[in-house]
Amino acid sequence: MPWLTIESAPDGVAVMTKIDDEHGVRNEQVLVRKGRLWWHEDGSMYVYYTPTHGRPK
């Protein structure tokens, strides 16, 4: 499955995410978008960054 820009990720659905920019690929993990925040799949806490890419889990 190809990586898509994060703007296409649906709200409330777990997706595989990553940051992919001029510093390389990092922070690959499953997250759930709720509004402007990205949460761990179990809802325990949100992450302090916004992923750049996502794809279905």
Protein backbone atom coordinates (compact mmCIF):
# COMPACT_ATOMS: atom_id res chain seq x y z
CA MET A 1 0.00 0.00 0.00
CA PRO A 2 1.52 3.37 -0.96
CA TRP A 3 2.07 6.17 1.55
CA LEU A 4 -0.32 9.13 1.20
CA THR A 5 -0.05 12.66 2.54
CA ILE A 6 -1.39 12.87 6.07
CA GLU A 7 -4.23 15.22 5.10
CA SER A 8 -5.99 12.22 3.51
CA ALA A 9 -6.06 10.25 6.79
CA PRO A 10 -9.60 9.79 8.16
CA ASP A 11 -10.52 11.04 11.62
CA GLY A 12 -10.94 8.35 14.29
CA VAL A 13 -9.38 5.50 12.28
CA ALA A 14 -6.07 3.81 13.16
CA VAL A 15 -3.50 4.27 10.38
CA MET A 16 0.19 3.53 9.99
CA THR A 17 2.02 6.88 10.10
CA LYS A 18 5.53 8.23 9.66
CA ILE A 19 7.52 11.40 9.33
CA ASP A 20 9.41 11.54 6.02
CA ASP A 21 11.23 14.81 5.37
CA GLU A 22 14.69 16.23 4.66
CA HIS A 23 15.95 14.56 7.88
CA GLY A 24 14.88 11.09 6.75
CA VAL A 25 12.17 8.62 7.72
CA ARG A 26 11.33 8.24 11.40
CA ASN A 27 8.53 7.74 13.97
CA GLU A 28 6.78 4.93 12.08
CA GLN A 29 3.85 3.80 14.23
CA VAL A 30 0.10 3.25 14.29
CA LEU A 31 -1.77 6.40 15.38
CA VAL A 32 -5.35 7.68 15.40
CA ARG A 33 -6.21 11.26 14.40
CA LYS A 34 -8.78 13.02 16.57
CA GLY A 35 -9.16 16.55 15.26
CA ARG A 36 -5.70 18.10 15.13
CA LEU A 37 -4.07 15.67 17.57
CA TRP A 38 -2.59 12.24 16.88
CA TRP A 39 -3.14 9.59 19.58
CA HIS A 40 -1.68 6.15 20.28
CA GLU A 41 -4.06 3.43 19.14
CA ASP A 42 -5.14 2.63 22.72
CA GLY A 43 -5.93 6.31 23.39
CA SER A 44 -3.47 6.48 26.28
CA MET A 45 -1.71 9.64 25.10
CA TYR A 46 -1.13 11.87 22.09
CA VAL A 47 2.17 12.44 20.31
CA TYR A 48 3.93 15.82 20.20
CA TYR A 49 4.31 15.91 16.42
CA THR A 50 2.22 15.70 13.28
CA PRO A 51 3.05 12.85 10.90
CA THR A 52 3.68 13.71 7.25
CA HIS A 53 2.40 10.46 5.69
CA GLY A 54 -0.09 7.69 6.43
CA ARG A 55 -1.56 4.52 4.98
CA PRO A 56 -4.17 1.99 6.05
CA LYS A 57 -3.05 -0.24 8.91
